[in-house]
Amino acid sequence: MALLEIKGVHTFYGRIEALRGVDLEVNEGEIVTLIGANGAGKSTLLMTLCGNPQAARGQVLFDGRDITRMATHEIVRGGIAQSPEGRRIFPFMTVYENLQMGASHCDPQYFEADLEHVFNLYPLLKERRDQRGGTLSGGEQQMLAIGRALMSRPRVLLLDEPSLGLAPLLVKQIFSVVRDVNENHGMTVFLVEQNAFHALRLAHRGYVMANGRIIMSGSGDELLANEEIRAAYLEGGAKKETGS
């Protein structure tokens, strides 16, 4: 059974239908990526999984439990955490205080161990633990956003455009940590990403979204090899990465 299951989900902003019957599964221990053009509905799907906005029709199931109508804080407490698009850290709080916010729903007995885990993943955050979040570089803010999500001890980590606006070296760092928490810590990851080449190389499986619908799915390798996908999302990106 899938750990996270989306069944026929429709989501609206007013009268605008942003998601049009989305079906998608994420199995425990997987990295699953969702790719698509700007405005396809990718971020809306992640926000719907977190209960804001809620699905107008359809179901969101987490570990067999219907969470479609649950409040966001209940969903987080239940084991889903998101690192949102644009990072959205607390700019006037320190790195340490931002990480404390991530752990606010957790048993305090785990805090120090979880903090050390995040600092091991991102040593720069340890160096800047007393620095205000708003003074960090874009890459450091992205590390903090992911670290804050991990502090909630999630079973599923939702990542929304983690590479957006980052230099190639930082992008590789971000994706390396995603691979590490999946392979070495068993974290299930659902990744929304415009950098399709990196995302599909990292993912076990992928979905392609267009106009609020899933139009294609397959393993990461299958989608990387698909000529239609290459033409729409990979041309140029793969060449730059491989140096060809």
C-alpha atoms as a PDB file:
ATOM      1  CA  MET A   1       0.000   0.000   0.000  1.00  0.00           C
ATOM      2  CA  ALA A   2       1.226   3.501  -0.830  1.00  0.00           C
ATOM      3  CA  LEU A   3       2.319   5.677   2.084  1.00  0.00           C
ATOM      4  CA  LEU A   4       0.899   8.771   0.370  1.00  0.00           C
ATOM      5  CA  GLU A   5      -1.987   8.416  -2.060  1.00  0.00           C
ATOM      6  CA  ILE A   6      -3.792  11.110  -4.028  1.00  0.00           C
ATOM      7  CA  LYS A   7      -7.081   9.976  -5.564  1.00  0.00           C
ATOM      8  CA  GLY A   8      -8.980  12.093  -8.080  1.00  0.00           C
ATOM      9  CA  VAL A   9      -8.070  15.381  -6.397  1.00  0.00           C
ATOM     10  CA  HIS A  10      -9.609  18.629  -7.659  1.00  0.00           C
ATOM     11  CA  THR A  11      -8.472  21.927  -6.128  1.00  0.00           C
ATOM     12  CA  PHE A  12      -9.822  25.405  -6.867  1.00  0.00           C
ATOM     13  CA  TYR A  13      -8.705  28.984  -6.335  1.00  0.00           C
ATOM     14  CA  GLY A  14     -12.091  30.674  -6.406  1.00  0.00           C
ATOM     15  CA  ARG A  15     -13.577  29.561  -9.709  1.00  0.00           C
ATOM     16  CA  ILE A  16     -10.237  28.574 -11.217  1.00  0.00           C
ATOM     17  CA  GLU A  17      -9.660  24.816 -11.225  1.00  0.00           C
ATOM     18  CA  ALA A  18      -5.947  24.326 -10.518  1.00  0.00           C
ATOM     19  CA  LEU A  19      -5.957  20.537 -10.078  1.00  0.00           C
ATOM     20  CA  ARG A  20      -8.202  18.466 -12.329  1.00  0.00           C
ATOM     21  CA  GLY A  21      -8.497  14.939 -11.002  1.00  0.00           C
ATOM     22  CA  VAL A  22      -4.930  14.157  -9.933  1.00  0.00           C
ATOM     23  CA  ASP A  23      -4.021  10.529  -9.158  1.00  0.00           C
ATOM     24  CA  LEU A  24      -0.575   9.861  -7.700  1.00  0.00           C
ATOM     25  CA  GLU A  25       1.172   7.503  -5.271  1.00  0.00           C
ATOM     26  CA  VAL A  26       4.342   7.707  -3.182  1.00  0.00           C
ATOM     27  CA  ASN A  27       5.523   4.459  -1.614  1.00  0.00           C
ATOM     28  CA  GLU A  28       7.455   4.310   1.630  1.00  0.00           C
ATOM     29  CA  GLY A  29      11.199   4.768   1.137  1.00  0.00           C
ATOM     30  CA  GLU A  30      10.885   6.246  -2.353  1.00  0.00           C
ATOM     31  CA  ILE A  31      11.983   9.502  -3.888  1.00  0.00           C
ATOM     32  CA  VAL A  32       9.202  10.511  -6.265  1.00  0.00           C
ATOM     33  CA  THR A  33       9.449  13.646  -8.378  1.00  0.00           C
ATOM     34  CA  LEU A  34       6.802  15.756 -10.081  1.00  0.00           C
ATOM     35  CA  ILE A  35       7.921  17.808 -13.067  1.00  0.00           C
ATOM     36  CA  GLY A  36       6.083  20.197 -15.347  1.00  0.00           C
ATOM     37  CA  ALA A  37       6.045  23.713 -16.710  1.00  0.00           C
ATOM     38  CA  ASN A  38       5.318  26.850 -14.689  1.00  0.00           C
ATOM     39  CA  GLY A  39       1.626  27.032 -13.831  1.00  0.00           C
ATOM     40  CA  ALA A  40       1.049  23.303 -14.282  1.00  0.00           C
ATOM     41  CA  GLY A  41      -0.259  22.926 -10.711  1.00  0.00           C
ATOM     42  CA  LYS A  42       2.774  21.335  -9.046  1.00  0.00           C
ATOM     43  CA  SER A  43       3.009  23.682  -6.044  1.00  0.00           C
ATOM     44  CA  THR A  44      -0.768  23.647  -5.667  1.00  0.00           C
ATOM     45  CA  LEU A  45      -0.620  19.871  -5.283  1.00  0.00           C
ATOM     46  CA  LEU A  46       1.954  20.121  -2.476  1.00  0.00           C
ATOM     47  CA  MET A  47      -0.084  22.796  -0.723  1.00  0.00           C
ATOM     48  CA  THR A  48      -3.211  20.654  -1.075  1.00  0.00           C
ATOM     49  CA  LEU A  49      -1.367  17.761   0.566  1.00  0.00           C
ATOM     50  CA  CYS A  50      -0.716  20.101   3.497  1.00  0.00           C
ATOM     51  CA  GLY A  51      -4.359  21.192   3.724  1.00  0.00           C
ATOM     52  CA  ASN A  52      -4.101  24.750   2.400  1.00  0.00           C
ATOM     53  CA  PRO A  53      -6.033  24.896   0.129  1.00  0.00           C
ATOM     54  CA  GLN A  54      -8.069  21.791   0.800  1.00  0.00           C
ATOM     55  CA  ALA A  55      -9.196  19.572  -2.060  1.00  0.00           C
ATOM     56  CA  ALA A  56     -12.714  20.334  -3.269  1.00  0.00           C
ATOM     57  CA  ARG A  57     -13.132  16.747  -4.486  1.00  0.00           C
ATOM     58  CA  GLY A  58     -11.134  13.555  -4.206  1.00  0.00           C
ATOM     59  CA  GLN A  59      -9.058  12.124  -1.370  1.00  0.00           C
ATOM     60  CA  VAL A  60      -5.609  12.461   0.131  1.00  0.00           C
ATOM     61  CA  LEU A  61      -4.607   9.353   2.090  1.00  0.00           C
ATOM     62  CA  PHE A  62      -1.565   9.139   4.345  1.00  0.00           C
ATOM     63  CA  ASP A  63      -0.681   5.672   5.610  1.00  0.00           C
ATOM     64  CA  GLY A  64      -4.264   4.639   4.825  1.00  0.00           C
ATOM     65  CA  ARG A  65      -5.807   7.540   6.770  1.00  0.00           C
ATOM     66  CA  ASP A  66      -7.941  10.157   5.036  1.00  0.00           C
ATOM     67  CA  ILE A  67      -6.314  13.557   5.697  1.00  0.00           C
ATOM     68  CA  THR A  68      -8.207  15.510   3.023  1.00  0.00           C
ATOM     69  CA  ARG A  69     -10.077  17.697   5.511  1.00  0.00           C
ATOM     70  CA  MET A  70      -7.463  17.876   8.234  1.00  0.00           C
ATOM     71  CA  ALA A  71      -5.931  21.184   9.331  1.00  0.00           C
ATOM     72  CA  THR A  72      -2.340  21.869   8.342  1.00  0.00           C
ATOM     73  CA  HIS A  73      -0.938  21.609  11.877  1.00  0.00           C
ATOM     74  CA  GLU A  74      -2.606  18.202  12.280  1.00  0.00           C
ATOM     75  CA  ILE A  75      -1.060  17.000   9.014  1.00  0.00           C
ATOM     76  CA  VAL A  76       2.395  18.159  10.150  1.00  0.00           C
ATOM     77  CA  ARG A  77       1.945  16.489  13.522  1.00  0.00           C
ATOM     78  CA  GLY A  78       0.904  13.321  11.690  1.00  0.00           C
ATOM     79  CA  GLY A  79       4.186  13.074   9.795  1.00  0.00           C
ATOM     80  CA  ILE A  80       4.245  15.269   6.670  1.00  0.00           C
ATOM     81  CA  ALA A  81       6.569  18.272   6.428  1.00  0.00           C
ATOM     82  CA  GLN A  82       7.145  20.725   3.603  1.00  0.00           C
ATOM     83  CA  SER A  83      10.073  22.865   2.544  1.00  0.00           C
ATOM     84  CA  PRO A  84       8.100  25.422   0.523  1.00  0.00           C
ATOM     85  CA  GLU A  85       8.901  27.213  -2.704  1.00  0.00           C
ATOM     86  CA  GLY A  86      10.753  30.444  -1.961  1.00  0.00           C
ATOM     87  CA  ARG A  87      12.086  28.988   1.348  1.00  0.00           C
ATOM     88  CA  ARG A  88       9.829  31.133   3.591  1.00  0.00           C
ATOM     89  CA  ILE A  89      12.101  30.990   6.577  1.00  0.00           C
ATOM     90  CA  PHE A  90      11.554  33.420   9.456  1.00  0.00           C
ATOM     91  CA  PRO A  91      13.990  36.210   8.464  1.00  0.00           C
ATOM     92  CA  PHE A  92      14.209  37.940  11.857  1.00  0.00           C
ATOM     93  CA  MET A  93      14.752  34.702  13.773  1.00  0.00           C
ATOM     94  CA  THR A  94      18.166  33.079  14.084  1.00  0.00           C
ATOM     95  CA  VAL A  95      19.029  29.799  12.396  1.00  0.00           C
ATOM     96  CA  TYR A  96      18.629  28.079  15.760  1.00  0.00           C
ATOM     97  CA  GLU A  97      15.212  29.652  16.354  1.00  0.00           C
ATOM     98  CA  ASN A  98      14.027  28.651  12.866  1.00  0.00           C
ATOM     99  CA  LEU A  99      15.007  25.060  13.609  1.00  0.00           C
ATOM    100  CA  GLN A 100      13.211  25.263  16.947  1.00  0.00           C
ATOM    101  CA  MET A 101      10.058  26.268  15.080  1.00  0.00           C
ATOM    102  CA  GLY A 102      10.356  23.163  12.944  1.00  0.00           C
ATOM    103  CA  ALA A 103      10.476  21.009  16.062  1.00  0.00           C
ATOM    104  CA  SER A 104       7.525  22.694  17.790  1.00  0.00           C
ATOM    105  CA  HIS A 105       5.211  19.684  17.333  1.00  0.00           C
ATOM    106  CA  CYS A 106       7.783  17.114  18.476  1.00  0.00           C
ATOM    107  CA  ASP A 107       8.718  15.557  21.790  1.00  0.00           C
ATOM    108  CA  PRO A 108      11.482  17.786  23.255  1.00  0.00           C
ATOM    109  CA  GLN A 109      13.566  14.728  24.123  1.00  0.00           C
ATOM    110  CA  TYR A 110      14.520  14.388  20.426  1.00  0.00           C
ATOM    111  CA  PHE A 111      15.490  18.010  19.864  1.00  0.00           C
ATOM    112  CA  GLU A 112      19.241  17.900  20.506  1.00  0.00           C
ATOM    113  CA  ALA A 113      19.747  14.723  18.454  1.00  0.00           C
ATOM    114  CA  ASP A 114      17.679  16.110  15.583  1.00  0.00           C
ATOM    115  CA  LEU A 115      19.544  19.417  15.740  1.00  0.00           C
ATOM    116  CA  GLU A 116      22.860  17.588  15.513  1.00  0.00           C
ATOM    117  CA  HIS A 117      21.531  15.574  12.555  1.00  0.00           C
ATOM    118  CA  VAL A 118      20.650  18.761  10.661  1.00  0.00           C
ATOM    119  CA  PHE A 119      24.013  20.333  11.524  1.00  0.00           C
ATOM    120  CA  ASN A 120      25.788  17.200  10.241  1.00  0.00           C
ATOM    121  CA  LEU A 121      23.874  17.475   6.965  1.00  0.00           C
ATOM    122  CA  TYR A 122      24.531  21.208   6.691  1.00  0.00           C
ATOM    123  CA  PRO A 123      27.668  22.219   8.674  1.00  0.00           C
ATOM    124  CA  LEU A 124      27.258  25.818   7.475  1.00  0.00           C
ATOM    125  CA  LEU A 125      24.065  26.081   9.520  1.00  0.00           C
ATOM    126  CA  LYS A 126      25.991  25.129  12.641  1.00  0.00           C
ATOM    127  CA  GLU A 127      28.489  27.921  11.933  1.00  0.00           C
ATOM    128  CA  ARG A 128      25.604  30.368  11.519  1.00  0.00           C
ATOM    129  CA  ARG A 129      23.315  29.119  14.282  1.00  0.00           C
ATOM    130  CA  ASP A 130      23.096  32.560  15.918  1.00  0.00           C
ATOM    131  CA  GLN A 131      22.758  34.480  12.645  1.00  0.00           C
ATOM    132  CA  ARG A 132      19.390  35.854  11.523  1.00  0.00           C
ATOM    133  CA  GLY A 133      17.816  33.844   8.732  1.00  0.00           C
ATOM    134  CA  GLY A 134      17.273  36.866   6.530  1.00  0.00           C
ATOM    135  CA  THR A 135      21.013  37.572   6.383  1.00  0.00           C
ATOM    136  CA  LEU A 136      21.861  34.126   4.950  1.00  0.00           C
ATOM    137  CA  SER A 137      22.630  33.565   1.284  1.00  0.00           C
ATOM    138  CA  GLY A 138      19.955  31.995  -0.915  1.00  0.00           C
ATOM    139  CA  GLY A 139      21.608  28.589  -0.722  1.00  0.00           C
ATOM    140  CA  GLU A 140      21.942  28.780   3.050  1.00  0.00           C
ATOM    141  CA  GLN A 141      18.291  29.775   3.369  1.00  0.00           C
ATOM    142  CA  GLN A 142      17.331  26.720   1.307  1.00  0.00           C
ATOM    143  CA  MET A 143      19.406  24.514   3.597  1.00  0.00           C
ATOM    144  CA  LEU A 144      17.633  26.089   6.574  1.00  0.00           C
ATOM    145  CA  ALA A 145      14.197  25.515   5.043  1.00  0.00           C
ATOM    146  CA  ILE A 146      14.980  21.829   4.505  1.00  0.00           C
ATOM    147  CA  GLY A 147      16.543  21.544   7.950  1.00  0.00           C
ATOM    148  CA  ARG A 148      13.490  23.144   9.557  1.00  0.00           C
ATOM    149  CA  ALA A 149      11.255  20.581   7.822  1.00  0.00           C
ATOM    150  CA  LEU A 150      13.463  17.702   8.979  1.00  0.00           C
ATOM    151  CA  MET A 151      13.246  18.934  12.576  1.00  0.00           C
ATOM    152  CA  SER A 152       9.578  17.922  12.617  1.00  0.00           C
ATOM    153  CA  ARG A 153      10.654  14.253  12.247  1.00  0.00           C
ATOM    154  CA  PRO A 154       8.487  13.650   9.162  1.00  0.00           C
ATOM    155  CA  ARG A 155       7.762  10.334   7.496  1.00  0.00           C
ATOM    156  CA  VAL A 156       7.286  12.187   4.196  1.00  0.00           C
ATOM    157  CA  LEU A 157       9.358  15.218   3.206  1.00  0.00           C
ATOM    158  CA  LEU A 158       7.779  17.509   0.598  1.00  0.00           C
ATOM    159  CA  LEU A 159      10.270  19.656  -1.308  1.00  0.00           C
ATOM    160  CA  ASP A 160       9.013  22.457  -3.545  1.00  0.00           C
ATOM    161  CA  GLU A 161      11.592  23.744  -6.053  1.00  0.00           C
ATOM    162  CA  PRO A 162      14.639  23.355  -3.775  1.00  0.00           C
ATOM    163  CA  SER A 163      17.075  24.267  -6.582  1.00  0.00           C
ATOM    164  CA  LEU A 164      15.282  27.468  -7.617  1.00  0.00           C
ATOM    165  CA  GLY A 165      17.716  30.351  -8.076  1.00  0.00           C
ATOM    166  CA  LEU A 166      20.773  28.461  -6.824  1.00  0.00           C
ATOM    167  CA  ALA A 167      24.191  28.108  -8.421  1.00  0.00           C
ATOM    168  CA  PRO A 168      24.980  24.647  -9.902  1.00  0.00           C
ATOM    169  CA  LEU A 169      27.361  23.708  -7.079  1.00  0.00           C
ATOM    170  CA  LEU A 170      24.717  24.460  -4.449  1.00  0.00           C
ATOM    171  CA  VAL A 171      22.117  22.549  -6.456  1.00  0.00           C
ATOM    172  CA  LYS A 172      24.351  19.462  -6.327  1.00  0.00           C
ATOM    173  CA  GLN A 173      24.749  19.926  -2.555  1.00  0.00           C
ATOM    174  CA  ILE A 174      20.994  20.156  -2.028  1.00  0.00           C
ATOM    175  CA  PHE A 175      20.286  17.041  -4.072  1.00  0.00           C
ATOM    176  CA  SER A 176      23.136  15.155  -2.401  1.00  0.00           C
ATOM    177  CA  VAL A 177      21.484  15.726   0.983  1.00  0.00           C
ATOM    178  CA  VAL A 178      18.113  14.600  -0.389  1.00  0.00           C
ATOM    179  CA  ARG A 179      19.746  11.367  -1.565  1.00  0.00           C
ATOM    180  CA  ASP A 180      21.457  10.933   1.810  1.00  0.00           C
ATOM    181  CA  VAL A 181      18.322  11.310   3.940  1.00  0.00           C
ATOM    182  CA  ASN A 182      16.550   8.846   1.633  1.00  0.00           C
ATOM    183  CA  GLU A 183      19.265   6.190   1.366  1.00  0.00           C
ATOM    184  CA  ASN A 184      20.776   6.393   4.847  1.00  0.00           C
ATOM    185  CA  HIS A 185      17.792   7.480   6.949  1.00  0.00           C
ATOM    186  CA  GLY A 186      14.864   5.916   5.069  1.00  0.00           C
ATOM    187  CA  MET A 187      13.139   9.249   4.440  1.00  0.00           C
ATOM    188  CA  THR A 188      10.324   9.200   1.887  1.00  0.00           C
ATOM    189  CA  VAL A 189      10.608  12.251  -0.381  1.00  0.00           C
ATOM    190  CA  PHE A 190       8.115  13.859  -2.763  1.00  0.00           C
ATOM    191  CA  LEU A 191       9.977  16.405  -4.850  1.00  0.00           C
ATOM    192  CA  VAL A 192       8.531  19.130  -7.074  1.00  0.00           C
ATOM    193  CA  GLU A 193      11.263  20.471  -9.291  1.00  0.00           C
ATOM    194  CA  GLN A 194      11.709  22.426 -12.525  1.00  0.00           C
ATOM    195  CA  ASN A 195      15.248  21.112 -12.932  1.00  0.00           C
ATOM    196  CA  ALA A 196      13.914  17.927 -14.521  1.00  0.00           C
ATOM    197  CA  PHE A 197      17.319  16.479 -15.334  1.00  0.00           C
ATOM    198  CA  HIS A 198      18.548  16.538 -11.729  1.00  0.00           C
ATOM    199  CA  ALA A 199      15.173  15.473 -10.342  1.00  0.00           C
ATOM    200  CA  LEU A 200      14.725  12.461 -12.621  1.00  0.00           C
ATOM    201  CA  ARG A 201      18.296  11.291 -12.069  1.00  0.00           C
ATOM    202  CA  LEU A 202      17.637  11.372  -8.321  1.00  0.00           C
ATOM    203  CA  ALA A 203      14.122   9.896  -8.256  1.00  0.00           C
ATOM    204  CA  HIS A 204      12.981   6.297  -8.218  1.00  0.00           C
ATOM    205  CA  ARG A 205       9.824   7.319 -10.054  1.00  0.00           C
ATOM    206  CA  GLY A 206       8.410  10.448 -11.611  1.00  0.00           C
ATOM    207  CA  TYR A 207       5.186  12.048 -12.768  1.00  0.00           C
ATOM    208  CA  VAL A 208       4.675  14.740 -15.382  1.00  0.00           C
ATOM    209  CA  MET A 209       1.962  17.360 -14.831  1.00  0.00           C
ATOM    210  CA  ALA A 210       0.363  19.709 -17.363  1.00  0.00           C
ATOM    211  CA  ASN A 211      -2.686  21.933 -16.883  1.00  0.00           C
ATOM    212  CA  GLY A 212      -3.549  20.419 -13.503  1.00  0.00           C
ATOM    213  CA  ARG A 213      -3.450  16.806 -14.708  1.00  0.00           C
ATOM    214  CA  ILE A 214      -0.944  13.971 -14.585  1.00  0.00           C
ATOM    215  CA  ILE A 215      -0.105  13.185 -18.205  1.00  0.00           C
ATOM    216  CA  MET A 216       2.728  10.674 -17.821  1.00  0.00           C
ATOM    217  CA  SER A 217       4.511   8.563 -15.214  1.00  0.00           C
ATOM    218  CA  GLY A 218       7.365   6.073 -15.038  1.00  0.00           C
ATOM    219  CA  SER A 219      10.719   5.378 -13.451  1.00  0.00           C
ATOM    220  CA  GLY A 220      13.236   8.189 -13.399  1.00  0.00           C
ATOM    221  CA  ASP A 221      15.296   6.422 -16.068  1.00  0.00           C
ATOM    222  CA  GLU A 222      12.260   5.820 -18.272  1.00  0.00           C
ATOM    223  CA  LEU A 223      11.253   9.467 -18.207  1.00  0.00           C
ATOM    224  CA  LEU A 224      14.835  10.614 -18.816  1.00  0.00           C
ATOM    225  CA  ALA A 225      14.931   8.440 -21.929  1.00  0.00           C
ATOM    226  CA  ASN A 226      11.509   9.528 -23.202  1.00  0.00           C
ATOM    227  CA  GLU A 227      11.905  11.667 -26.338  1.00  0.00           C
ATOM    228  CA  GLU A 228       8.789  13.719 -25.603  1.00  0.00           C
ATOM    229  CA  ILE A 229      10.011  14.501 -22.089  1.00  0.00           C
ATOM    230  CA  ARG A 230      13.503  15.296 -23.341  1.00  0.00           C
ATOM    231  CA  ALA A 231      12.151  17.733 -25.902  1.00  0.00           C
ATOM    232  CA  ALA A 232       9.806  19.471 -23.465  1.00  0.00           C
ATOM    233  CA  TYR A 233      11.874  19.575 -20.266  1.00  0.00           C
ATOM    234  CA  LEU A 234      15.442  18.369 -20.763  1.00  0.00           C
ATOM    235  CA  GLU A 235      16.891  19.836 -23.924  1.00  0.00           C
ATOM    236  CA  GLY A 236      19.774  22.101 -22.961  1.00  0.00           C
ATOM    237  CA  GLY A 237      19.789  21.129 -19.271  1.00  0.00           C
ATOM    238  CA  ALA A 238      21.188  17.664 -19.843  1.00  0.00           C
ATOM    239  CA  LYS A 239      23.745  18.973 -22.327  1.00  0.00           C
ATOM    240  CA  LYS A 240      24.995  21.578 -19.883  1.00  0.00           C
ATOM    241  CA  GLU A 241      25.307  19.025 -17.093  1.00  0.00           C
ATOM    242  CA  THR A 242      27.085  16.399 -19.196  1.00  0.00           C
ATOM    243  CA  GLY A 243      29.235  18.912 -21.014  1.00  0.00           C
ATOM    244  CA  SER A 244      28.230  17.542 -24.428  1.00  0.00           C
END
